N, C-alpha and C. Protein backbone atom coordinates (compact mmCIF):
# COMPACT_ATOMS: atom_id res chain seq x y z
N MET A 1 122.97 98.79 101.94
CA MET A 1 123.06 97.35 101.94
C MET A 1 121.82 96.77 102.62
N THR A 2 121.15 95.83 101.97
CA THR A 2 119.98 95.18 102.52
C THR A 2 120.40 94.03 103.41
N ARG A 3 119.83 94.02 104.61
CA ARG A 3 120.14 92.92 105.53
C ARG A 3 119.24 91.74 105.26
N LYS A 4 119.82 90.56 105.35
CA LYS A 4 119.05 89.34 105.15
C LYS A 4 118.33 89.00 106.45
N PRO A 5 117.02 88.72 106.40
CA PRO A 5 116.31 88.36 107.63
C PRO A 5 116.79 87.02 108.17
N PRO A 6 116.64 86.81 109.47
CA PRO A 6 117.07 85.54 110.06
C PRO A 6 116.31 84.37 109.42
N ASP A 7 117.01 83.26 109.22
CA ASP A 7 116.41 82.08 108.59
C ASP A 7 115.21 81.55 109.38
N PHE A 8 115.25 81.68 110.72
CA PHE A 8 114.18 81.07 111.52
C PHE A 8 112.84 81.81 111.34
N TRP A 9 112.85 82.98 110.72
CA TRP A 9 111.60 83.69 110.44
C TRP A 9 110.79 82.98 109.36
N THR A 10 111.45 82.21 108.52
CA THR A 10 110.74 81.56 107.41
C THR A 10 110.91 80.05 107.38
N SER A 11 111.76 79.53 108.22
CA SER A 11 112.05 78.09 108.21
C SER A 11 111.18 77.35 109.21
N SER A 12 110.91 76.08 108.92
CA SER A 12 110.13 75.26 109.86
C SER A 12 110.94 74.10 110.41
N THR A 13 112.27 74.21 110.36
CA THR A 13 113.11 73.15 110.91
C THR A 13 112.97 73.12 112.43
N VAL A 14 113.40 72.03 113.03
CA VAL A 14 113.31 71.89 114.49
C VAL A 14 114.11 72.98 115.19
N SER A 15 115.31 73.25 114.69
CA SER A 15 116.14 74.28 115.33
C SER A 15 115.49 75.66 115.20
N SER A 16 114.85 75.94 114.07
CA SER A 16 114.15 77.22 113.89
C SER A 16 112.98 77.34 114.86
N ARG A 17 112.23 76.26 115.03
CA ARG A 17 111.09 76.30 115.95
C ARG A 17 111.55 76.51 117.38
N LEU A 18 112.70 75.92 117.75
CA LEU A 18 113.25 76.13 119.10
C LEU A 18 113.66 77.59 119.31
N ILE A 19 114.26 78.19 118.29
CA ILE A 19 114.64 79.61 118.40
C ILE A 19 113.39 80.47 118.56
N VAL A 20 112.34 80.17 117.80
CA VAL A 20 111.09 80.93 117.91
C VAL A 20 110.52 80.82 119.32
N ILE A 21 110.55 79.62 119.89
CA ILE A 21 110.04 79.42 121.26
C ILE A 21 110.84 80.27 122.25
N MET A 22 112.16 80.30 122.08
CA MET A 22 113.00 81.09 122.98
C MET A 22 112.78 82.60 122.80
N MET A 23 112.45 83.01 121.59
CA MET A 23 112.26 84.44 121.31
C MET A 23 110.86 84.94 121.65
N THR A 24 109.91 84.06 121.81
CA THR A 24 108.52 84.45 122.01
C THR A 24 108.31 85.39 123.20
N PRO A 25 108.93 85.17 124.37
CA PRO A 25 108.75 86.15 125.46
C PRO A 25 109.18 87.57 125.09
N PHE A 26 110.21 87.68 124.25
CA PHE A 26 110.65 89.00 123.80
C PHE A 26 109.61 89.61 122.85
N SER A 27 108.93 88.76 122.09
CA SER A 27 107.84 89.23 121.23
C SER A 27 106.70 89.80 122.07
N TRP A 28 106.42 89.15 123.21
CA TRP A 28 105.38 89.67 124.10
C TRP A 28 105.75 91.05 124.62
N LEU A 29 107.03 91.22 124.95
CA LEU A 29 107.49 92.54 125.42
C LEU A 29 107.36 93.58 124.31
N TRP A 30 107.72 93.21 123.08
CA TRP A 30 107.58 94.10 121.93
C TRP A 30 106.12 94.54 121.77
N GLN A 31 105.21 93.56 121.87
CA GLN A 31 103.78 93.87 121.72
C GLN A 31 103.27 94.73 122.87
N LEU A 32 103.76 94.48 124.07
CA LEU A 32 103.37 95.30 125.22
C LEU A 32 103.83 96.75 125.02
N ALA A 33 105.06 96.92 124.53
CA ALA A 33 105.57 98.26 124.26
C ALA A 33 104.71 98.97 123.20
N GLY A 34 104.31 98.23 122.17
CA GLY A 34 103.43 98.81 121.14
C GLY A 34 102.08 99.19 121.70
N TRP A 35 101.52 98.32 122.54
CA TRP A 35 100.22 98.59 123.15
C TRP A 35 100.31 99.85 124.02
N LEU A 36 101.37 99.98 124.82
CA LEU A 36 101.55 101.17 125.65
C LEU A 36 101.70 102.43 124.80
N ARG A 37 102.44 102.31 123.71
CA ARG A 37 102.62 103.47 122.82
C ARG A 37 101.28 103.97 122.31
N TRP A 38 100.40 103.06 121.92
CA TRP A 38 99.08 103.45 121.43
C TRP A 38 98.22 104.03 122.55
N ARG A 39 98.32 103.46 123.74
CA ARG A 39 97.50 103.94 124.86
C ARG A 39 97.92 105.32 125.34
N LEU A 40 99.22 105.63 125.25
CA LEU A 40 99.73 106.91 125.76
C LEU A 40 99.72 108.01 124.70
N ALA A 41 99.46 107.65 123.46
CA ALA A 41 99.50 108.64 122.37
C ALA A 41 98.33 109.61 122.45
N LYS A 42 98.58 110.82 121.97
CA LYS A 42 97.53 111.83 121.81
C LYS A 42 97.46 112.14 120.31
N PRO A 43 96.72 111.29 119.58
CA PRO A 43 96.73 111.40 118.12
C PRO A 43 96.07 112.67 117.61
N TYR A 44 96.58 113.11 116.47
CA TYR A 44 96.06 114.31 115.81
C TYR A 44 95.20 113.90 114.63
N HIS A 45 94.03 114.55 114.49
CA HIS A 45 93.17 114.31 113.34
C HIS A 45 93.28 115.51 112.42
N ALA A 46 93.90 115.31 111.27
CA ALA A 46 94.17 116.41 110.34
C ALA A 46 92.89 116.96 109.73
N GLU A 47 92.96 118.22 109.29
CA GLU A 47 91.83 118.86 108.64
C GLU A 47 91.66 118.36 107.21
N VAL A 48 92.73 117.85 106.62
CA VAL A 48 92.65 117.29 105.27
C VAL A 48 92.67 115.76 105.38
N ALA A 49 92.21 115.11 104.32
CA ALA A 49 92.15 113.64 104.34
C ALA A 49 93.55 113.04 104.39
N VAL A 50 93.67 111.93 105.13
CA VAL A 50 94.95 111.23 105.26
C VAL A 50 94.77 109.77 104.87
N ILE A 51 95.57 109.33 103.91
CA ILE A 51 95.63 107.91 103.55
C ILE A 51 96.99 107.40 104.00
N CYS A 52 96.98 106.40 104.85
CA CYS A 52 98.22 105.79 105.33
C CYS A 52 98.50 104.53 104.54
N VAL A 53 99.73 104.43 104.04
CA VAL A 53 100.17 103.21 103.35
C VAL A 53 101.22 102.55 104.23
N GLY A 54 100.91 101.36 104.72
CA GLY A 54 101.82 100.70 105.65
C GLY A 54 101.91 99.21 105.40
N ASN A 55 102.58 98.54 106.32
CA ASN A 55 102.68 97.08 106.23
C ASN A 55 102.80 96.50 107.63
N LEU A 56 102.64 95.20 107.71
CA LEU A 56 102.73 94.52 108.99
C LEU A 56 104.07 93.87 109.21
N SER A 57 104.84 93.68 108.14
CA SER A 57 106.10 92.96 108.29
C SER A 57 107.30 93.90 108.19
N VAL A 58 108.39 93.46 108.78
CA VAL A 58 109.64 94.21 108.72
C VAL A 58 110.21 94.08 107.32
N GLY A 59 110.74 95.17 106.80
CA GLY A 59 111.37 95.11 105.48
C GLY A 59 110.47 95.64 104.38
N GLY A 60 110.99 95.66 103.20
CA GLY A 60 110.28 96.22 102.06
C GLY A 60 109.25 95.27 101.48
N VAL A 61 108.07 95.83 101.18
CA VAL A 61 107.01 95.04 100.56
C VAL A 61 106.43 95.75 99.34
N GLY A 62 106.98 96.91 98.99
CA GLY A 62 106.49 97.65 97.84
C GLY A 62 105.62 98.84 98.18
N LYS A 63 105.76 99.35 99.43
CA LYS A 63 104.95 100.52 99.83
C LYS A 63 105.27 101.75 98.99
N THR A 64 106.54 102.04 98.80
CA THR A 64 106.92 103.27 98.10
C THR A 64 106.43 103.30 96.66
N PRO A 65 106.57 102.21 95.87
CA PRO A 65 105.98 102.25 94.52
C PRO A 65 104.46 102.45 94.54
N PHE A 66 103.80 101.88 95.56
CA PHE A 66 102.35 102.08 95.67
C PHE A 66 102.03 103.52 96.03
N VAL A 67 102.81 104.13 96.92
CA VAL A 67 102.61 105.54 97.27
C VAL A 67 102.75 106.40 96.02
N ARG A 68 103.76 106.11 95.21
CA ARG A 68 103.96 106.85 93.95
C ARG A 68 102.73 106.72 93.06
N ALA A 69 102.25 105.49 92.86
CA ALA A 69 101.09 105.25 92.01
C ALA A 69 99.86 105.95 92.56
N LEU A 70 99.67 105.90 93.87
CA LEU A 70 98.53 106.54 94.51
C LEU A 70 98.58 108.06 94.33
N ALA A 71 99.76 108.65 94.49
CA ALA A 71 99.92 110.10 94.31
C ALA A 71 99.60 110.51 92.87
N LEU A 72 100.07 109.73 91.91
CA LEU A 72 99.81 110.04 90.51
C LEU A 72 98.33 109.88 90.17
N MET A 73 97.67 108.85 90.73
CA MET A 73 96.24 108.66 90.51
C MET A 73 95.45 109.81 91.13
N ALA A 74 95.86 110.24 92.34
CA ALA A 74 95.18 111.34 93.01
C ALA A 74 95.31 112.63 92.20
N LYS A 75 96.50 112.88 91.67
CA LYS A 75 96.70 114.07 90.82
C LYS A 75 95.80 114.02 89.59
N ALA A 76 95.75 112.85 88.95
CA ALA A 76 94.93 112.70 87.75
C ALA A 76 93.45 112.89 88.05
N ALA A 77 93.05 112.59 89.29
CA ALA A 77 91.64 112.73 89.69
C ALA A 77 91.31 114.14 90.16
N GLY A 78 92.31 115.04 90.15
CA GLY A 78 92.04 116.43 90.51
C GLY A 78 92.39 116.81 91.93
N PHE A 79 92.97 115.89 92.69
CA PHE A 79 93.41 116.21 94.05
C PHE A 79 94.77 116.90 94.01
N SER A 80 95.13 117.51 95.14
CA SER A 80 96.48 118.06 95.32
C SER A 80 97.16 117.24 96.41
N PRO A 81 97.73 116.08 96.05
CA PRO A 81 98.31 115.20 97.08
C PRO A 81 99.66 115.70 97.58
N VAL A 82 99.92 115.37 98.83
CA VAL A 82 101.21 115.65 99.47
C VAL A 82 101.66 114.34 100.11
N ILE A 83 102.90 113.97 99.89
CA ILE A 83 103.43 112.75 100.50
C ILE A 83 104.12 113.12 101.80
N LEU A 84 103.73 112.45 102.88
CA LEU A 84 104.32 112.64 104.20
C LEU A 84 105.06 111.38 104.58
N MET A 85 106.34 111.52 104.89
CA MET A 85 107.13 110.33 105.23
C MET A 85 108.16 110.66 106.30
N ARG A 86 108.70 109.62 106.91
CA ARG A 86 109.70 109.79 107.96
C ARG A 86 111.04 110.26 107.39
N GLY A 87 111.34 109.85 106.19
CA GLY A 87 112.64 110.17 105.62
C GLY A 87 113.70 109.21 106.11
N TYR A 88 113.36 107.92 106.06
CA TYR A 88 114.26 106.88 106.58
C TYR A 88 115.64 106.99 105.94
N GLY A 89 116.67 106.99 106.77
CA GLY A 89 118.04 107.11 106.30
C GLY A 89 118.55 108.54 106.30
N GLY A 90 117.65 109.50 106.47
CA GLY A 90 118.04 110.90 106.52
C GLY A 90 118.21 111.39 107.95
N ASN A 91 118.93 112.50 108.11
CA ASN A 91 119.19 113.00 109.46
C ASN A 91 118.36 114.23 109.83
N LEU A 92 117.53 114.75 108.92
CA LEU A 92 116.69 115.90 109.26
C LEU A 92 115.40 115.42 109.94
N PRO A 93 115.11 115.91 111.14
CA PRO A 93 113.89 115.48 111.82
C PRO A 93 112.63 116.08 111.21
N GLY A 94 112.74 117.24 110.55
CA GLY A 94 111.60 117.89 109.92
C GLY A 94 110.69 118.55 110.94
N PRO A 95 109.55 119.02 110.47
CA PRO A 95 109.06 118.93 109.10
C PRO A 95 109.88 119.80 108.13
N VAL A 96 110.14 119.23 106.97
CA VAL A 96 110.86 119.93 105.92
C VAL A 96 110.30 119.48 104.57
N SER A 97 110.14 120.46 103.68
CA SER A 97 109.69 120.17 102.33
C SER A 97 110.91 119.79 101.49
N VAL A 98 110.89 118.60 100.93
CA VAL A 98 112.04 118.09 100.19
C VAL A 98 112.22 118.88 98.89
N SER A 99 113.45 119.30 98.66
CA SER A 99 113.76 120.03 97.42
C SER A 99 114.90 119.33 96.70
N ASP A 100 115.19 119.80 95.49
CA ASP A 100 116.29 119.22 94.70
C ASP A 100 117.64 119.47 95.36
N ASN A 101 117.69 120.43 96.27
CA ASN A 101 118.95 120.76 96.96
C ASN A 101 119.26 119.83 98.12
N HIS A 102 118.27 119.03 98.54
CA HIS A 102 118.51 118.10 99.65
C HIS A 102 119.32 116.89 99.17
N SER A 103 120.03 116.29 100.13
CA SER A 103 120.80 115.09 99.84
C SER A 103 120.16 113.89 100.51
N THR A 104 120.58 112.69 100.11
CA THR A 104 120.07 111.48 100.75
C THR A 104 120.47 111.44 102.22
N VAL A 105 121.59 112.04 102.56
CA VAL A 105 122.02 112.10 103.96
C VAL A 105 121.02 112.89 104.79
N GLU A 106 120.40 113.90 104.18
CA GLU A 106 119.46 114.75 104.90
C GLU A 106 118.05 114.17 104.97
N VAL A 107 117.53 113.67 103.83
CA VAL A 107 116.12 113.26 103.78
C VAL A 107 115.91 111.80 103.38
N GLY A 108 116.97 111.07 103.08
CA GLY A 108 116.84 109.68 102.67
C GLY A 108 116.60 109.56 101.18
N ASP A 109 116.89 108.40 100.63
CA ASP A 109 116.78 108.22 99.18
C ASP A 109 115.35 108.12 98.68
N GLU A 110 114.44 107.53 99.49
CA GLU A 110 113.06 107.37 99.04
C GLU A 110 112.36 108.72 98.87
N ALA A 111 112.67 109.67 99.76
CA ALA A 111 112.04 110.99 99.66
C ALA A 111 112.45 111.68 98.36
N LEU A 112 113.73 111.59 98.02
CA LEU A 112 114.20 112.21 96.78
C LEU A 112 113.64 111.50 95.55
N GLU A 113 113.54 110.19 95.64
CA GLU A 113 112.98 109.40 94.53
C GLU A 113 111.52 109.77 94.28
N LEU A 114 110.74 109.87 95.37
CA LEU A 114 109.32 110.22 95.22
C LEU A 114 109.16 111.65 94.71
N LYS A 115 109.97 112.57 95.21
CA LYS A 115 109.91 113.96 94.76
C LYS A 115 110.15 114.04 93.25
N ALA A 116 111.14 113.30 92.75
CA ALA A 116 111.48 113.34 91.33
C ALA A 116 110.44 112.65 90.46
N SER A 117 109.88 111.55 90.94
CA SER A 117 109.00 110.75 90.08
C SER A 117 107.54 111.15 90.13
N CYS A 118 107.11 111.86 91.19
CA CYS A 118 105.70 112.22 91.32
C CYS A 118 105.40 113.68 91.02
N SER A 119 106.39 114.54 91.20
CA SER A 119 106.19 115.99 91.06
C SER A 119 105.07 116.49 91.97
N VAL A 120 105.04 115.97 93.20
CA VAL A 120 104.14 116.47 94.23
C VAL A 120 105.00 116.83 95.44
N PRO A 121 104.50 117.69 96.33
CA PRO A 121 105.28 117.99 97.53
C PRO A 121 105.54 116.74 98.36
N VAL A 122 106.77 116.61 98.84
CA VAL A 122 107.14 115.51 99.73
C VAL A 122 107.65 116.15 101.02
N ILE A 123 107.01 115.81 102.12
CA ILE A 123 107.36 116.37 103.41
C ILE A 123 107.96 115.28 104.28
N VAL A 124 109.14 115.55 104.82
CA VAL A 124 109.80 114.62 105.73
C VAL A 124 109.57 115.12 107.15
N ALA A 125 109.06 114.23 108.00
CA ALA A 125 108.83 114.58 109.41
C ALA A 125 108.82 113.31 110.24
N ARG A 126 109.73 113.23 111.18
CA ARG A 126 109.71 112.07 112.09
C ARG A 126 108.44 112.09 112.92
N ASP A 127 107.99 113.29 113.32
CA ASP A 127 106.73 113.45 114.04
C ASP A 127 105.65 113.68 112.98
N ARG A 128 104.87 112.64 112.70
CA ARG A 128 103.90 112.71 111.60
C ARG A 128 102.81 113.75 111.87
N ALA A 129 102.40 113.89 113.13
CA ALA A 129 101.38 114.91 113.45
C ALA A 129 101.92 116.31 113.15
N ALA A 130 103.17 116.56 113.52
CA ALA A 130 103.79 117.86 113.23
C ALA A 130 103.89 118.06 111.72
N GLY A 131 104.17 116.99 110.99
CA GLY A 131 104.22 117.08 109.53
C GLY A 131 102.87 117.44 108.95
N ALA A 132 101.78 116.83 109.45
CA ALA A 132 100.44 117.14 108.96
C ALA A 132 100.07 118.59 109.28
N ARG A 133 100.40 119.04 110.48
CA ARG A 133 100.12 120.45 110.83
C ARG A 133 100.89 121.40 109.92
N TRP A 134 102.14 121.05 109.61
CA TRP A 134 102.95 121.89 108.73
C TRP A 134 102.33 121.95 107.33
N ILE A 135 101.87 120.81 106.84
CA ILE A 135 101.21 120.76 105.52
C ILE A 135 99.98 121.66 105.51
N GLU A 136 99.19 121.58 106.58
CA GLU A 136 97.98 122.41 106.67
C GLU A 136 98.32 123.90 106.75
N SER A 137 99.27 124.25 107.59
CA SER A 137 99.60 125.67 107.79
C SER A 137 100.26 126.29 106.56
N HIS A 138 100.91 125.46 105.74
CA HIS A 138 101.55 125.96 104.52
C HIS A 138 100.69 125.71 103.27
N HIS A 139 99.46 125.21 103.47
CA HIS A 139 98.51 124.99 102.37
C HIS A 139 99.14 124.22 101.21
N LYS A 140 99.77 123.11 101.54
CA LYS A 140 100.51 122.34 100.54
C LYS A 140 99.62 121.43 99.69
N GLY A 141 98.43 121.07 100.18
CA GLY A 141 97.57 120.18 99.41
C GLY A 141 96.31 119.82 100.17
N ASN A 142 95.47 119.01 99.52
CA ASN A 142 94.20 118.62 100.15
C ASN A 142 94.10 117.12 100.39
N LEU A 143 95.20 116.41 100.23
CA LEU A 143 95.22 114.97 100.51
C LEU A 143 96.63 114.58 100.94
N ILE A 144 96.73 114.05 102.15
CA ILE A 144 98.03 113.58 102.65
C ILE A 144 98.12 112.08 102.42
N ILE A 145 99.18 111.67 101.74
CA ILE A 145 99.48 110.24 101.58
C ILE A 145 100.68 109.95 102.46
N MET A 146 100.44 109.24 103.55
CA MET A 146 101.49 108.97 104.53
C MET A 146 102.17 107.64 104.20
N ASP A 147 103.45 107.71 103.89
CA ASP A 147 104.24 106.53 103.55
C ASP A 147 104.81 105.93 104.83
N ASP A 148 104.38 104.72 105.15
CA ASP A 148 104.91 103.95 106.29
C ASP A 148 104.68 104.64 107.63
N GLY A 149 103.42 104.69 108.03
CA GLY A 149 103.11 105.23 109.34
C GLY A 149 102.04 104.42 110.04
N PHE A 150 101.88 103.16 109.61
CA PHE A 150 100.78 102.35 110.13
C PHE A 150 100.92 102.06 111.62
N GLN A 151 102.16 101.89 112.10
CA GLN A 151 102.37 101.61 113.52
C GLN A 151 102.61 102.90 114.32
N ASN A 152 102.44 104.05 113.68
CA ASN A 152 102.67 105.33 114.35
C ASN A 152 101.33 105.92 114.78
N PRO A 153 101.08 106.03 116.09
CA PRO A 153 99.76 106.47 116.55
C PRO A 153 99.57 107.98 116.60
N SER A 154 100.53 108.78 116.14
CA SER A 154 100.44 110.23 116.32
C SER A 154 99.50 110.92 115.33
N LEU A 155 99.20 110.28 114.19
CA LEU A 155 98.33 110.88 113.18
C LEU A 155 97.25 109.89 112.80
N ILE A 156 95.99 110.32 112.88
CA ILE A 156 94.86 109.43 112.58
C ILE A 156 94.60 109.42 111.07
N PRO A 157 94.69 108.26 110.44
CA PRO A 157 94.38 108.20 109.00
C PRO A 157 92.88 108.04 108.77
N ASP A 158 92.40 108.58 107.66
CA ASP A 158 91.01 108.36 107.26
C ASP A 158 90.86 107.01 106.58
N ARG A 159 91.92 106.59 105.89
CA ARG A 159 91.99 105.27 105.28
C ARG A 159 93.39 104.72 105.53
N ALA A 160 93.47 103.40 105.73
CA ALA A 160 94.77 102.77 105.95
C ALA A 160 94.89 101.55 105.04
N VAL A 161 95.88 101.59 104.16
CA VAL A 161 96.10 100.51 103.21
C VAL A 161 97.30 99.70 103.66
N LEU A 162 97.11 98.42 103.89
CA LEU A 162 98.21 97.52 104.22
C LEU A 162 98.71 96.86 102.95
N VAL A 163 100.02 96.94 102.72
CA VAL A 163 100.62 96.33 101.53
C VAL A 163 101.33 95.05 101.95
N PHE A 164 101.03 93.98 101.23
CA PHE A 164 101.65 92.67 101.49
C PHE A 164 102.41 92.22 100.25
N ASP A 165 103.56 91.62 100.44
CA ASP A 165 104.31 91.01 99.35
C ASP A 165 103.84 89.56 99.26
N GLY A 166 103.06 89.27 98.22
CA GLY A 166 102.51 87.93 98.06
C GLY A 166 103.56 86.85 97.88
N LYS A 167 104.73 87.22 97.38
CA LYS A 167 105.79 86.24 97.16
C LYS A 167 106.47 85.88 98.49
N ILE A 168 106.71 86.89 99.33
CA ILE A 168 107.39 86.66 100.60
C ILE A 168 106.42 86.17 101.67
N GLY A 169 105.20 86.70 101.67
CA GLY A 169 104.23 86.31 102.69
C GLY A 169 104.55 86.90 104.04
N LEU A 170 104.14 86.22 105.09
CA LEU A 170 104.32 86.72 106.46
C LEU A 170 105.27 85.86 107.27
N GLY A 171 106.08 85.07 106.59
CA GLY A 171 107.05 84.24 107.31
C GLY A 171 106.35 83.25 108.22
N ASN A 172 106.84 83.16 109.46
CA ASN A 172 106.27 82.20 110.40
C ASN A 172 105.05 82.75 111.14
N GLY A 173 104.66 84.01 110.85
CA GLY A 173 103.46 84.59 111.45
C GLY A 173 103.66 85.14 112.85
N ASN A 174 104.90 85.15 113.34
CA ASN A 174 105.17 85.65 114.69
C ASN A 174 105.65 87.10 114.65
N VAL A 175 105.54 87.75 115.81
CA VAL A 175 105.94 89.15 115.96
C VAL A 175 107.42 89.22 116.32
N VAL A 176 108.06 90.29 115.87
CA VAL A 176 109.48 90.56 116.15
C VAL A 176 109.78 90.37 117.64
N PRO A 177 110.86 89.73 118.03
CA PRO A 177 111.94 89.18 117.23
C PRO A 177 111.74 87.71 116.85
N ALA A 178 110.61 87.09 117.27
CA ALA A 178 110.38 85.69 116.94
C ALA A 178 109.96 85.51 115.48
N GLY A 179 109.53 86.59 114.83
CA GLY A 179 109.11 86.56 113.44
C GLY A 179 109.26 87.92 112.82
N GLN A 180 108.73 88.07 111.61
CA GLN A 180 108.96 89.32 110.88
C GLN A 180 107.82 90.32 111.01
N LEU A 181 106.77 90.00 111.78
CA LEU A 181 105.65 90.93 111.92
C LEU A 181 105.95 92.05 112.90
N ARG A 182 105.55 93.27 112.57
CA ARG A 182 105.70 94.41 113.47
C ARG A 182 104.64 94.38 114.57
N GLU A 183 103.52 93.76 114.25
CA GLU A 183 102.42 93.58 115.21
C GLU A 183 101.64 92.37 114.74
N SER A 184 100.71 91.91 115.55
CA SER A 184 99.95 90.72 115.17
C SER A 184 99.02 91.03 114.01
N MET A 185 98.72 90.01 113.22
CA MET A 185 97.78 90.16 112.11
C MET A 185 96.43 90.66 112.62
N THR A 186 95.99 90.14 113.76
CA THR A 186 94.68 90.51 114.30
C THR A 186 94.60 92.00 114.58
N SER A 187 95.57 92.53 115.31
CA SER A 187 95.52 93.96 115.65
C SER A 187 95.70 94.83 114.42
N GLY A 188 96.56 94.41 113.49
CA GLY A 188 96.79 95.19 112.29
C GLY A 188 95.57 95.26 111.39
N LEU A 189 94.95 94.12 111.15
CA LEU A 189 93.80 94.10 110.24
C LEU A 189 92.60 94.85 110.81
N LYS A 190 92.50 94.96 112.12
CA LYS A 190 91.40 95.73 112.74
C LYS A 190 91.48 97.20 112.35
N ARG A 191 92.70 97.72 112.16
CA ARG A 191 92.86 99.15 111.86
C ARG A 191 92.92 99.44 110.37
N ALA A 192 93.06 98.42 109.56
CA ALA A 192 93.20 98.63 108.11
C ALA A 192 91.83 98.76 107.45
N SER A 193 91.75 99.64 106.45
CA SER A 193 90.53 99.74 105.67
C SER A 193 90.65 98.98 104.35
N HIS A 194 91.89 98.82 103.88
CA HIS A 194 92.15 98.13 102.61
C HIS A 194 93.43 97.30 102.72
N ALA A 195 93.56 96.33 101.84
CA ALA A 195 94.79 95.54 101.75
C ALA A 195 95.15 95.39 100.28
N LEU A 196 96.44 95.46 100.02
CA LEU A 196 96.96 95.27 98.66
C LEU A 196 98.00 94.17 98.70
N ILE A 197 97.82 93.12 97.93
CA ILE A 197 98.77 92.02 97.88
C ILE A 197 99.49 92.05 96.55
């Protein structure tokens, strides 16, 4: 079931603006926690190229269809792509190579969907650096496409593509919980190499 975002994330009514003002100190705490996470991280730089596909806003913006398209384009260009993802909705921490025997309870529905539609290895790992090391040690491919790891500092991408939903936009432009952004536009765009709207 998809949850509906709070109305004040997209509304400009007086009551919505008051809620945003009240939530803003919590947004500062969220951003401080993110800043600390990046400062304390010991990121891993993989031996194979890593393309991260992420977004700045909470919720779906079309990352998974783009990951699928990117994997298929990479295959057509002669690469051996591997999709690395968290496995949202699944209970296996990984690293684990997704197979037809896995269930959505174990690896999440997106992992199974990508495995079926791309015919490339899909690796589920909550720890993305551990997932990249597993891919390297098992010689699974020469290009890692990381689905939704833009705010995860554990694995350094060679390229980072931010996906935006042009129809939804960025709401009120504020950071969670005052808005729908996971981080500020300024900090996010500094780390991105490409953007797709």
